[in-house]
N, C-alpha and C. Protein backbone atom coordinates (compact mmCIF):
# COMPACT_ATOMS: atom_id res chain seq x y z
N UNK A 1 30.57 78.81 24.85
CA UNK A 1 29.49 79.66 25.59
C UNK A 1 28.52 78.61 25.93
N UNK A 2 27.98 78.71 27.06
CA UNK A 2 26.87 77.96 27.70
C UNK A 2 25.69 78.34 27.01
N UNK A 3 24.86 77.18 26.63
CA UNK A 3 23.36 77.52 26.10
C UNK A 3 22.38 77.24 27.17
N UNK A 4 22.74 76.98 28.50
CA UNK A 4 21.87 77.00 29.50
C UNK A 4 21.14 78.15 29.75
N UNK A 5 19.81 78.00 29.88
CA UNK A 5 18.97 79.11 30.16
C UNK A 5 19.33 80.05 31.52
N UNK A 6 19.27 81.16 31.27
CA UNK A 6 19.53 82.06 32.39
C UNK A 6 18.54 82.05 33.50
N UNK A 7 18.89 81.84 34.74
CA UNK A 7 17.77 81.81 36.12
C UNK A 7 17.24 83.24 36.07
N UNK A 8 15.95 83.31 36.31
CA UNK A 8 15.21 84.52 36.65
C UNK A 8 14.93 84.84 38.05
N UNK A 9 15.46 85.88 38.55
CA UNK A 9 15.38 86.15 40.02
C UNK A 9 14.10 87.14 40.42
N UNK A 10 13.73 87.16 41.51
CA UNK A 10 12.68 88.32 41.71
C UNK A 10 13.28 88.88 43.01
N UNK A 11 12.75 90.14 43.33
CA UNK A 11 13.24 90.83 44.65
C UNK A 11 12.22 91.85 44.94
N UNK A 12 12.09 92.21 46.23
CA UNK A 12 11.14 93.12 46.69
C UNK A 12 11.89 94.54 46.60
N UNK A 13 11.17 95.45 45.80
CA UNK A 13 11.83 96.79 45.78
C UNK A 13 11.04 97.89 46.43
N UNK A 14 9.93 97.55 46.85
CA UNK A 14 9.04 98.48 47.64
C UNK A 14 8.02 97.74 48.34
N UNK A 15 7.70 98.31 49.64
CA UNK A 15 6.56 97.79 50.31
C UNK A 15 5.66 98.98 50.74
N UNK A 16 4.31 98.65 51.07
CA UNK A 16 3.59 99.78 51.61
C UNK A 16 2.44 99.17 52.51
N UNK A 17 1.92 99.92 53.25
CA UNK A 17 0.96 99.33 54.33
C UNK A 17 0.10 100.64 54.59
N UNK A 18 -1.28 100.19 55.08
CA UNK A 18 -2.15 101.18 55.53
C UNK A 18 -3.22 100.65 56.47
N UNK A 19 -3.30 101.47 57.54
CA UNK A 19 -4.51 101.00 58.41
C UNK A 19 -5.58 102.16 58.79
N UNK A 20 -6.87 101.65 58.73
CA UNK A 20 -7.82 102.62 58.98
C UNK A 20 -7.54 103.64 60.30
N UNK A 21 -7.98 104.69 60.40
CA UNK A 21 -7.45 105.61 61.51
C UNK A 21 -8.53 105.09 62.80
N UNK A 22 -9.54 104.65 62.59
CA UNK A 22 -10.57 104.25 63.78
C UNK A 22 -9.90 103.16 64.67
N UNK A 23 -9.80 103.23 65.93
CA UNK A 23 -9.05 102.20 66.69
C UNK A 23 -10.27 101.56 67.68
N UNK A 24 -10.36 100.31 67.85
CA UNK A 24 -11.22 99.68 68.71
C UNK A 24 -10.43 98.74 69.80
N UNK A 25 -10.32 99.33 70.97
CA UNK A 25 -9.43 98.68 71.98
C UNK A 25 -10.16 97.45 72.57
N UNK A 26 -9.53 96.71 73.45
CA UNK A 26 -10.31 95.68 74.22
C UNK A 26 -11.15 96.30 75.28
N UNK A 27 -10.73 97.51 75.58
CA UNK A 27 -11.58 98.04 76.70
C UNK A 27 -12.85 98.78 76.30
N UNK A 28 -12.72 98.99 74.83
CA UNK A 28 -14.08 99.49 74.19
C UNK A 28 -14.83 98.22 74.05
N UNK A 29 -14.41 97.02 73.58
CA UNK A 29 -15.24 95.78 73.38
C UNK A 29 -15.79 95.39 74.74
N UNK A 30 -14.97 95.63 75.94
CA UNK A 30 -15.68 95.26 77.01
C UNK A 30 -16.97 96.10 77.56
N UNK A 31 -17.01 97.13 76.90
CA UNK A 31 -18.15 97.97 77.08
C UNK A 31 -19.50 97.42 76.27
N UNK A 32 -19.07 96.69 75.35
CA UNK A 32 -20.07 96.24 74.37
C UNK A 32 -20.69 94.76 74.77
N UNK A 33 -19.72 93.88 75.09
CA UNK A 33 -19.88 92.63 75.42
C UNK A 33 -19.20 92.14 76.71
N UNK A 34 -19.51 90.98 77.18
CA UNK A 34 -19.00 90.43 78.66
C UNK A 34 -17.58 89.82 78.26
N UNK A 35 -16.65 90.65 78.32
CA UNK A 35 -15.20 90.37 78.15
C UNK A 35 -14.32 91.34 78.70
N UNK A 36 -12.95 91.11 78.73
CA UNK A 36 -11.81 92.05 79.33
C UNK A 36 -10.67 92.06 78.54
N UNK A 37 -9.92 92.82 78.97
CA UNK A 37 -8.60 92.98 78.13
C UNK A 37 -7.78 91.83 78.36
N UNK A 38 -7.71 91.33 79.68
CA UNK A 38 -6.87 90.16 80.15
C UNK A 38 -7.51 89.10 79.39
N UNK A 39 -8.62 88.79 79.35
CA UNK A 39 -9.41 87.70 78.60
C UNK A 39 -8.85 87.52 77.07
N UNK A 40 -9.14 88.73 76.52
CA UNK A 40 -8.71 88.55 75.01
C UNK A 40 -7.29 88.43 74.96
N UNK A 41 -6.46 89.14 75.49
CA UNK A 41 -4.93 89.04 75.28
C UNK A 41 -4.55 87.75 75.64
N UNK A 42 -4.90 87.11 76.52
CA UNK A 42 -4.48 85.67 77.03
C UNK A 42 -4.74 84.82 75.92
N UNK A 43 -5.74 84.91 75.22
CA UNK A 43 -6.25 83.87 74.34
C UNK A 43 -5.67 84.26 72.88
N UNK A 44 -5.70 85.65 72.46
CA UNK A 44 -5.40 85.96 70.99
C UNK A 44 -3.98 86.86 71.08
N UNK A 45 -3.55 87.49 72.09
CA UNK A 45 -2.56 88.37 72.12
C UNK A 45 -2.97 89.89 71.29
N UNK A 46 -4.15 90.06 71.24
CA UNK A 46 -4.66 91.09 70.54
C UNK A 46 -5.06 92.21 71.61
N UNK A 47 -4.62 93.49 71.43
CA UNK A 47 -4.96 94.53 72.38
C UNK A 47 -5.98 95.67 71.68
N UNK A 48 -5.79 95.72 70.50
CA UNK A 48 -6.54 96.91 69.83
C UNK A 48 -6.64 96.35 68.24
N UNK A 49 -7.75 96.89 67.47
CA UNK A 49 -7.82 96.46 66.09
C UNK A 49 -8.18 97.74 65.26
N UNK A 50 -7.86 97.93 64.13
CA UNK A 50 -8.38 99.18 63.36
C UNK A 50 -9.62 98.79 62.63
N UNK A 51 -10.44 99.70 62.44
CA UNK A 51 -11.75 99.44 62.00
C UNK A 51 -12.02 100.56 60.70
N UNK A 52 -12.40 99.97 59.53
CA UNK A 52 -12.58 100.64 58.40
C UNK A 52 -13.80 101.70 58.56
N UNK A 53 -13.68 102.79 58.08
CA UNK A 53 -14.65 103.81 58.14
C UNK A 53 -15.95 103.35 57.42
N UNK A 54 -17.05 104.04 57.66
CA UNK A 54 -18.24 103.82 56.98
C UNK A 54 -18.20 104.09 55.33
N UNK A 55 -18.37 103.09 54.71
CA UNK A 55 -18.28 103.31 53.28
C UNK A 55 -16.73 102.94 52.76
N UNK A 56 -15.71 102.59 53.61
CA UNK A 56 -14.53 102.58 53.27
C UNK A 56 -14.40 100.91 52.90
N UNK A 57 -13.88 100.71 51.72
CA UNK A 57 -13.79 99.47 51.19
C UNK A 57 -12.34 98.75 51.08
N UNK A 58 -12.21 97.42 51.29
CA UNK A 58 -10.91 96.92 51.04
C UNK A 58 -10.12 97.46 49.94
N UNK A 59 -10.62 97.68 48.79
CA UNK A 59 -9.87 98.12 47.64
C UNK A 59 -9.34 99.82 48.19
N UNK A 60 -10.07 100.32 48.87
CA UNK A 60 -9.61 101.77 49.37
C UNK A 60 -8.34 101.33 50.20
N UNK A 61 -8.49 100.55 51.02
CA UNK A 61 -7.28 100.43 52.01
C UNK A 61 -6.13 99.91 51.05
N UNK A 62 -6.42 99.03 50.31
CA UNK A 62 -5.39 98.55 49.43
C UNK A 62 -4.71 99.63 48.45
N UNK A 63 -5.54 100.55 48.05
CA UNK A 63 -5.00 101.64 47.30
C UNK A 63 -3.99 102.47 47.79
N UNK A 64 -4.15 102.88 49.32
CA UNK A 64 -3.29 103.67 49.89
C UNK A 64 -1.83 102.85 49.92
N UNK A 65 -2.10 101.53 50.43
CA UNK A 65 -1.07 100.65 50.61
C UNK A 65 -0.18 100.63 49.09
N UNK A 66 -1.01 100.33 48.30
CA UNK A 66 -0.21 100.22 46.83
C UNK A 66 0.51 101.45 46.31
N UNK A 67 -0.21 102.58 46.63
CA UNK A 67 0.51 103.92 46.05
C UNK A 67 1.82 104.03 47.00
N UNK A 68 1.71 103.78 48.35
CA UNK A 68 2.93 103.87 49.08
C UNK A 68 3.99 102.97 48.61
N UNK A 69 3.60 101.57 48.19
CA UNK A 69 4.55 100.68 47.74
C UNK A 69 5.18 101.11 46.46
N UNK A 70 4.36 101.71 45.65
CA UNK A 70 4.87 102.27 44.28
C UNK A 70 5.86 103.66 44.52
N UNK A 71 5.61 104.44 45.49
CA UNK A 71 6.36 105.44 46.03
C UNK A 71 7.71 105.02 46.50
N UNK A 72 7.69 103.94 47.33
CA UNK A 72 8.90 103.34 47.79
C UNK A 72 9.69 102.73 46.69
N UNK A 73 9.12 102.15 45.70
CA UNK A 73 9.87 101.40 44.69
C UNK A 73 10.26 102.59 43.59
N UNK A 74 9.77 103.85 43.59
CA UNK A 74 10.00 104.71 42.57
C UNK A 74 9.44 104.24 41.12
N UNK A 75 8.49 103.75 41.34
CA UNK A 75 7.67 103.13 40.11
C UNK A 75 6.40 103.87 39.85
N UNK A 76 5.90 103.96 38.42
CA UNK A 76 4.54 104.54 38.06
C UNK A 76 3.74 103.45 38.13
N UNK A 77 2.51 103.53 38.34
CA UNK A 77 1.27 102.61 38.27
C UNK A 77 1.41 101.92 36.78
N UNK A 78 1.55 102.77 35.70
CA UNK A 78 1.59 101.99 34.39
C UNK A 78 2.63 101.01 34.27
N UNK A 79 3.75 101.07 35.10
CA UNK A 79 4.74 99.99 34.72
C UNK A 79 4.56 98.73 35.34
N UNK A 80 3.34 98.63 36.15
CA UNK A 80 2.89 97.32 36.91
C UNK A 80 2.28 96.32 35.85
N UNK A 81 2.70 95.04 35.84
CA UNK A 81 1.94 94.36 34.80
C UNK A 81 0.96 93.19 35.59
N UNK A 82 1.02 93.15 36.95
CA UNK A 82 0.16 92.16 37.56
C UNK A 82 -0.16 92.52 38.94
N UNK A 83 -1.37 92.42 39.33
CA UNK A 83 -1.92 92.88 40.75
C UNK A 83 -2.66 91.68 41.28
N UNK A 84 -2.06 91.39 42.31
CA UNK A 84 -2.70 90.07 43.05
C UNK A 84 -3.17 90.53 44.54
N UNK A 85 -4.45 90.37 44.77
CA UNK A 85 -5.17 90.69 46.11
C UNK A 85 -5.53 89.47 46.76
N UNK A 86 -5.06 89.41 48.12
CA UNK A 86 -5.46 88.37 48.83
C UNK A 86 -6.43 89.01 50.06
N UNK A 87 -7.51 88.53 50.16
CA UNK A 87 -8.37 89.21 51.32
C UNK A 87 -9.71 88.16 51.60
N UNK A 88 -9.88 88.18 52.84
CA UNK A 88 -11.13 87.58 53.42
C UNK A 88 -12.40 88.41 53.35
N UNK A 89 -12.13 89.80 52.92
CA UNK A 89 -13.25 90.64 53.04
C UNK A 89 -13.41 91.43 51.85
N UNK A 90 -13.63 90.72 50.58
CA UNK A 90 -13.66 91.49 49.30
C UNK A 90 -14.65 92.64 49.29
N UNK A 91 -14.55 93.48 48.36
CA UNK A 91 -15.47 94.67 48.09
C UNK A 91 -16.89 93.90 47.86
N UNK A 92 -16.74 92.93 47.00
CA UNK A 92 -18.14 92.18 46.30
C UNK A 92 -17.56 91.03 45.55
N UNK A 93 -18.30 89.98 45.28
CA UNK A 93 -18.05 88.79 44.56
C UNK A 93 -17.34 89.03 43.18
N UNK A 94 -18.03 89.80 42.50
CA UNK A 94 -17.80 90.28 41.18
C UNK A 94 -18.21 91.61 40.77
N UNK A 95 -17.06 92.34 40.16
CA UNK A 95 -15.75 92.04 39.84
C UNK A 95 -14.95 91.83 41.11
N UNK A 96 -13.80 91.27 40.91
CA UNK A 96 -12.96 90.94 42.04
C UNK A 96 -12.39 92.16 42.65
N UNK A 97 -12.10 92.13 43.82
CA UNK A 97 -11.29 93.41 44.62
C UNK A 97 -10.05 93.81 43.67
N UNK A 98 -9.28 92.97 43.27
CA UNK A 98 -8.09 93.14 42.35
C UNK A 98 -8.46 94.08 41.27
N UNK A 99 -9.78 93.90 40.79
CA UNK A 99 -10.07 94.61 39.47
C UNK A 99 -10.50 95.93 39.85
N UNK A 100 -11.07 96.13 41.19
CA UNK A 100 -11.34 97.45 41.61
C UNK A 100 -10.08 98.23 42.05
N UNK A 101 -9.14 97.47 42.63
CA UNK A 101 -7.79 98.20 42.92
C UNK A 101 -7.13 98.75 41.55
N UNK A 102 -7.32 97.81 40.63
CA UNK A 102 -6.73 97.90 39.19
C UNK A 102 -7.32 99.18 38.65
N UNK A 103 -8.51 99.41 38.82
CA UNK A 103 -9.16 100.75 38.26
C UNK A 103 -8.90 102.01 38.97
N UNK A 104 -8.83 101.80 40.32
CA UNK A 104 -8.50 102.90 41.08
C UNK A 104 -7.05 103.40 40.99
N UNK A 105 -6.22 102.49 40.54
CA UNK A 105 -4.81 102.99 40.46
C UNK A 105 -4.67 103.17 38.86
N UNK A 106 -5.54 103.01 38.00
CA UNK A 106 -5.45 103.51 36.58
C UNK A 106 -4.55 102.44 35.87
N UNK A 107 -4.53 101.35 36.29
CA UNK A 107 -3.73 100.27 35.59
C UNK A 107 -4.33 99.54 34.46
N UNK A 108 -4.72 100.11 33.32
CA UNK A 108 -5.51 99.69 32.46
C UNK A 108 -4.90 98.36 31.64
N UNK A 109 -3.44 98.16 31.78
CA UNK A 109 -2.89 97.07 31.05
C UNK A 109 -2.54 95.86 32.06
N UNK A 110 -2.74 96.24 33.32
CA UNK A 110 -2.18 95.06 34.27
C UNK A 110 -3.21 93.92 34.49
N UNK A 111 -2.75 92.74 34.52
CA UNK A 111 -3.66 91.71 35.02
C UNK A 111 -4.05 91.78 36.57
N UNK A 112 -5.33 91.43 36.82
CA UNK A 112 -5.73 91.51 38.42
C UNK A 112 -6.36 90.12 38.70
N UNK A 113 -5.81 89.67 39.88
CA UNK A 113 -6.23 88.38 40.40
C UNK A 113 -6.60 88.57 41.85
N UNK A 114 -7.72 88.06 42.22
CA UNK A 114 -8.09 87.82 43.55
C UNK A 114 -7.92 86.44 44.03
N UNK A 115 -7.55 86.27 45.19
CA UNK A 115 -6.97 84.90 45.61
C UNK A 115 -8.04 84.33 46.76
N UNK A 116 -8.81 82.98 46.45
CA UNK A 116 -9.48 82.39 47.36
C UNK A 116 -8.59 81.97 48.60
N UNK A 117 -9.07 82.15 49.74
CA UNK A 117 -8.51 82.08 51.09
C UNK A 117 -9.27 81.32 52.11
N UNK A 118 -8.66 80.81 53.02
CA UNK A 118 -9.45 80.35 54.09
C UNK A 118 -8.68 80.55 55.47
N UNK A 119 -9.32 80.56 56.69
CA UNK A 119 -8.55 80.60 57.90
C UNK A 119 -9.26 79.54 58.84
N UNK A 120 -8.41 78.80 59.43
CA UNK A 120 -8.80 77.75 60.40
C UNK A 120 -8.21 77.86 61.60
N UNK A 121 -9.03 78.00 62.86
CA UNK A 121 -8.57 78.21 64.22
C UNK A 121 -9.17 76.94 65.02
N UNK A 122 -8.33 76.08 65.77
CA UNK A 122 -8.73 75.03 66.25
C UNK A 122 -8.15 75.16 67.78
N UNK A 123 -9.13 74.83 68.90
CA UNK A 123 -8.87 74.86 70.24
C UNK A 123 -8.98 73.35 70.73
N UNK A 124 -7.92 72.94 71.25
CA UNK A 124 -7.84 71.51 71.70
C UNK A 124 -7.94 71.41 73.12
N UNK A 125 -8.63 70.29 73.49
CA UNK A 125 -8.95 70.06 75.00
C UNK A 125 -7.72 69.99 75.85
N UNK A 126 -6.56 69.79 75.38
CA UNK A 126 -5.44 69.62 76.13
C UNK A 126 -4.10 70.02 75.00
N UNK A 127 -3.04 70.15 75.76
CA UNK A 127 -1.77 70.63 74.97
C UNK A 127 -1.24 69.29 74.33
N UNK A 128 -1.78 68.00 74.64
CA UNK A 128 -1.18 66.90 74.03
C UNK A 128 -1.46 66.85 72.56
N UNK A 129 -0.42 66.36 71.77
CA UNK A 129 -0.63 66.28 70.48
C UNK A 129 -1.69 65.20 69.93
N UNK A 130 -2.58 65.81 69.05
CA UNK A 130 -3.80 64.92 68.78
C UNK A 130 -4.82 64.69 69.66
N UNK A 131 -4.85 65.65 70.52
CA UNK A 131 -6.02 65.42 71.54
C UNK A 131 -7.29 65.86 70.77
N UNK A 132 -8.46 65.78 71.51
CA UNK A 132 -9.59 66.10 70.81
C UNK A 132 -9.91 67.55 70.68
N UNK A 133 -10.62 68.06 69.67
CA UNK A 133 -11.00 69.23 69.31
C UNK A 133 -12.01 69.87 70.33
N UNK A 134 -11.84 70.90 70.93
CA UNK A 134 -12.73 71.62 71.88
C UNK A 134 -13.72 72.55 71.01
N UNK A 135 -13.10 73.37 70.21
CA UNK A 135 -13.73 74.42 69.51
C UNK A 135 -13.01 74.49 68.07
N UNK A 136 -13.79 74.98 67.11
CA UNK A 136 -13.27 75.05 65.76
C UNK A 136 -14.09 76.35 65.22
N UNK A 137 -13.03 77.05 64.45
CA UNK A 137 -13.67 78.20 63.47
C UNK A 137 -12.94 78.14 62.17
N UNK A 138 -14.01 78.11 61.15
CA UNK A 138 -13.40 77.96 59.76
C UNK A 138 -13.97 79.04 59.05
N UNK A 139 -13.28 80.11 58.40
CA UNK A 139 -13.82 81.22 57.58
C UNK A 139 -13.20 81.19 56.26
N UNK A 140 -14.04 81.56 55.27
CA UNK A 140 -13.62 81.47 53.77
C UNK A 140 -13.83 82.85 53.24
N UNK A 141 -13.01 83.22 52.38
CA UNK A 141 -12.87 84.49 51.70
C UNK A 141 -12.88 84.58 50.43
N UNK A 142 -13.50 85.49 49.58
CA UNK A 142 -13.61 85.65 48.22
C UNK A 142 -14.34 84.50 47.51
N UNK A 143 -15.36 83.87 48.28
CA UNK A 143 -16.13 82.86 47.57
C UNK A 143 -17.51 83.13 47.91
N UNK A 144 -17.93 84.18 48.28
CA UNK A 144 -19.31 84.69 48.54
C UNK A 144 -19.28 86.24 48.70
N UNK A 145 -20.66 86.79 48.73
CA UNK A 145 -20.58 88.13 48.99
C UNK A 145 -19.94 88.75 50.22
N UNK A 146 -19.97 87.93 51.35
CA UNK A 146 -19.38 88.30 52.50
C UNK A 146 -18.43 87.00 53.09
N UNK A 147 -17.70 87.29 54.19
CA UNK A 147 -16.89 86.22 54.69
C UNK A 147 -18.01 85.09 55.15
N UNK A 148 -17.74 83.94 54.85
CA UNK A 148 -18.39 82.70 55.06
C UNK A 148 -17.86 81.85 56.14
N UNK A 149 -18.73 81.42 57.19
CA UNK A 149 -18.29 80.56 58.32
C UNK A 149 -18.70 79.28 57.69
N UNK A 150 -17.99 78.23 57.83
CA UNK A 150 -18.18 76.81 57.52
C UNK A 150 -18.68 76.13 58.53
N UNK A 151 -20.00 76.54 58.99
CA UNK A 151 -20.55 76.13 60.42
C UNK A 151 -20.67 74.51 60.44
N UNK A 152 -21.14 73.89 59.38
CA UNK A 152 -21.25 72.38 59.53
C UNK A 152 -19.85 71.66 59.76
N UNK A 153 -18.78 72.17 58.98
CA UNK A 153 -17.35 71.73 59.30
C UNK A 153 -16.99 71.96 60.79
N UNK A 154 -17.42 73.11 61.21
CA UNK A 154 -16.95 73.35 62.71
C UNK A 154 -17.82 72.67 63.69
N UNK A 155 -18.94 72.25 63.44
CA UNK A 155 -19.70 71.32 64.35
C UNK A 155 -19.02 70.12 64.25
N UNK A 156 -18.82 69.69 62.94
CA UNK A 156 -18.19 68.15 62.91
C UNK A 156 -16.94 67.93 63.70
N UNK A 157 -16.20 68.91 63.62
CA UNK A 157 -14.86 68.99 64.05
C UNK A 157 -14.84 68.60 65.83
N UNK A 158 -15.88 69.20 66.39
CA UNK A 158 -16.03 69.17 67.78
C UNK A 158 -16.01 67.69 68.28
N UNK A 159 -14.99 67.42 69.15
CA UNK A 159 -14.96 66.22 69.81
C UNK A 159 -14.01 65.16 69.05
N UNK A 160 -13.63 65.49 67.84
CA UNK A 160 -12.86 64.51 66.99
C UNK A 160 -11.22 65.02 67.21
N UNK A 161 -10.57 63.96 66.71
CA UNK A 161 -9.16 64.21 66.75
C UNK A 161 -8.66 64.31 65.24
N UNK A 162 -7.54 65.02 64.92
CA UNK A 162 -7.36 65.20 63.41
C UNK A 162 -6.56 64.00 62.90
N UNK A 163 -7.21 63.20 62.29
CA UNK A 163 -6.77 61.98 61.48
C UNK A 163 -7.14 62.43 59.99
N UNK A 164 -6.57 61.57 59.00
CA UNK A 164 -6.87 61.94 57.76
C UNK A 164 -8.14 61.82 57.28
N UNK A 165 -8.96 60.96 57.88
CA UNK A 165 -10.47 60.92 57.58
C UNK A 165 -11.36 62.13 57.91
N UNK A 166 -10.97 62.47 59.33
CA UNK A 166 -11.58 63.75 59.78
C UNK A 166 -11.35 64.98 58.98
N UNK A 167 -9.99 65.10 58.66
CA UNK A 167 -9.61 66.24 57.86
C UNK A 167 -10.23 66.19 56.40
N UNK A 168 -10.42 65.06 55.70
CA UNK A 168 -11.03 65.13 54.53
C UNK A 168 -12.44 65.46 54.65
N UNK A 169 -13.22 64.84 55.64
CA UNK A 169 -14.58 65.14 55.77
C UNK A 169 -14.95 66.50 56.07
N UNK A 170 -13.93 67.35 56.91
CA UNK A 170 -14.32 68.71 57.37
C UNK A 170 -13.84 69.59 56.12
N UNK A 171 -13.07 69.24 55.40
CA UNK A 171 -12.69 69.97 54.01
C UNK A 171 -13.84 69.92 53.20
N UNK A 172 -14.28 68.60 52.99
CA UNK A 172 -15.68 68.51 52.23
C UNK A 172 -16.81 69.30 52.70
N UNK A 173 -17.05 69.39 53.95
CA UNK A 173 -18.10 70.21 54.39
C UNK A 173 -17.66 71.65 54.11
N UNK A 174 -16.48 72.15 54.41
CA UNK A 174 -16.21 73.38 54.16
C UNK A 174 -16.49 73.81 52.70
N UNK A 175 -16.24 72.90 51.75
CA UNK A 175 -16.49 73.20 50.31
C UNK A 175 -17.94 73.47 50.14
N UNK A 176 -18.79 72.75 50.81
CA UNK A 176 -20.19 72.99 50.62
C UNK A 176 -20.75 74.40 51.19
N UNK A 177 -19.95 75.09 52.15
CA UNK A 177 -20.21 76.45 52.64
C UNK A 177 -19.89 77.47 51.72
N UNK A 178 -19.04 77.27 50.67
CA UNK A 178 -18.65 78.07 49.76
C UNK A 178 -19.77 78.41 48.67
N UNK A 179 -19.95 79.71 48.39
CA UNK A 179 -20.96 79.92 47.34
C UNK A 179 -20.24 80.81 46.31
N UNK A 180 -19.25 80.31 45.32
CA UNK A 180 -18.46 81.01 44.50
C UNK A 180 -19.38 81.13 43.25
N UNK A 181 -18.81 81.95 42.27
CA UNK A 181 -19.53 82.20 41.03
C UNK A 181 -18.74 81.75 39.98
N UNK A 182 -19.12 81.56 38.75
CA UNK A 182 -18.43 81.22 37.51
C UNK A 182 -18.05 82.64 36.85
N UNK A 183 -16.91 82.85 36.58
CA UNK A 183 -16.65 84.16 35.72
C UNK A 183 -15.41 83.74 34.65
N UNK A 184 -14.82 84.58 34.02
CA UNK A 184 -13.98 84.33 32.98
C UNK A 184 -12.66 83.91 33.52
N UNK A 185 -12.35 84.33 35.03
CA UNK A 185 -11.18 83.85 35.53
C UNK A 185 -11.09 82.46 36.10
N UNK A 186 -12.22 81.80 36.14
CA UNK A 186 -12.38 80.40 36.69
C UNK A 186 -13.78 80.13 37.14
N UNK A 187 -13.97 78.71 37.08
CA UNK A 187 -15.29 78.25 37.60
C UNK A 187 -15.77 78.17 39.03
N UNK A 188 -16.92 78.43 39.21
CA UNK A 188 -17.41 78.13 40.80
C UNK A 188 -16.80 76.70 41.25
N UNK A 189 -16.78 75.57 40.48
CA UNK A 189 -16.22 74.23 40.84
C UNK A 189 -14.87 74.51 41.12
N UNK A 190 -14.10 75.16 40.39
CA UNK A 190 -12.57 75.32 40.69
C UNK A 190 -12.36 75.99 41.85
N UNK A 191 -13.16 77.00 42.23
CA UNK A 191 -12.98 77.67 43.46
C UNK A 191 -13.50 76.82 44.56
N UNK A 192 -14.56 76.12 44.57
CA UNK A 192 -14.83 75.09 45.65
C UNK A 192 -13.79 74.19 45.97
N UNK A 193 -13.20 73.59 44.99
CA UNK A 193 -12.12 72.77 45.05
C UNK A 193 -10.95 73.41 45.71
N UNK A 194 -10.71 74.66 45.41
CA UNK A 194 -9.59 75.25 46.15
C UNK A 194 -9.80 75.47 47.61
N UNK A 195 -11.12 75.71 47.99
CA UNK A 195 -11.61 75.91 49.54
C UNK A 195 -11.12 74.58 50.20
N UNK A 196 -11.67 73.46 49.54
CA UNK A 196 -11.27 72.06 50.23
C UNK A 196 -9.81 72.01 50.31
N UNK A 197 -9.11 72.17 49.14
CA UNK A 197 -7.66 72.08 49.50
C UNK A 197 -6.85 72.86 50.39
N UNK A 198 -7.40 74.16 50.64
CA UNK A 198 -6.92 75.12 51.59
C UNK A 198 -7.21 74.78 52.87
N UNK A 199 -8.26 74.31 53.24
CA UNK A 199 -8.89 73.84 54.49
C UNK A 199 -8.06 72.61 55.04
N UNK A 200 -8.06 71.67 54.10
CA UNK A 200 -7.24 70.43 54.32
C UNK A 200 -5.89 70.67 54.68
N UNK A 201 -5.15 71.57 53.86
CA UNK A 201 -3.66 71.82 54.16
C UNK A 201 -3.57 72.65 55.61
N UNK A 202 -4.51 73.36 55.89
CA UNK A 202 -4.47 74.20 57.16
C UNK A 202 -4.63 73.32 58.31
N UNK A 203 -5.64 72.35 58.21
CA UNK A 203 -5.71 71.40 59.48
C UNK A 203 -4.50 70.47 59.43
N UNK A 204 -4.01 69.97 58.38
CA UNK A 204 -2.81 69.09 58.35
C UNK A 204 -1.73 69.75 59.03
N UNK A 205 -1.50 71.24 58.78
CA UNK A 205 -0.41 71.90 59.57
C UNK A 205 -0.54 71.96 61.08
N UNK A 206 -1.95 71.70 61.35
CA UNK A 206 -2.33 71.81 62.87
C UNK A 206 -2.11 70.65 63.73
N UNK A 207 -1.97 69.44 62.86
CA UNK A 207 -1.63 68.18 63.46
C UNK A 207 -0.24 68.06 64.33
């Protein structure tokens, strides 16, 4: 008989999703700002977006999606041991959105974790590889009361090409834009370092 440890596998047994009922189309946006459906679709591919209702929080959206996932998996909330929430729009800095979802689901024994995340969008002056950056947008989630724009990092990137030094400096500037807190799950410095690593990795993928 072999004494080798048995491999542990995971599989998806249920999924759930939810979108707010209010829809904002590109035509609606064109009534508010100087834009058009063609301009937005050409640059983003987006034709409409769902808008949360007044007072509707991220944890409220996650609650419906989670309940649908539990139903699809034929599981009770009490059987879940871990909740992981990734969002750029947390309910608040502390307690985390994962904890809010945990409370709404009644999962008293489940661990709840919210993930620091970052989004990087770069517009290059040409389609050539490693051309100069024309525009940059960097947003950070779960490290401040609201979504944070790393403005200094964005301004720094304009006119630059993505080499290792530029990526390192932009990541450092993005770290300074984060305003995380210390709590039992991790220190503010750890979360700030996470931001730097995420932004650096995202820009490296765009090279």
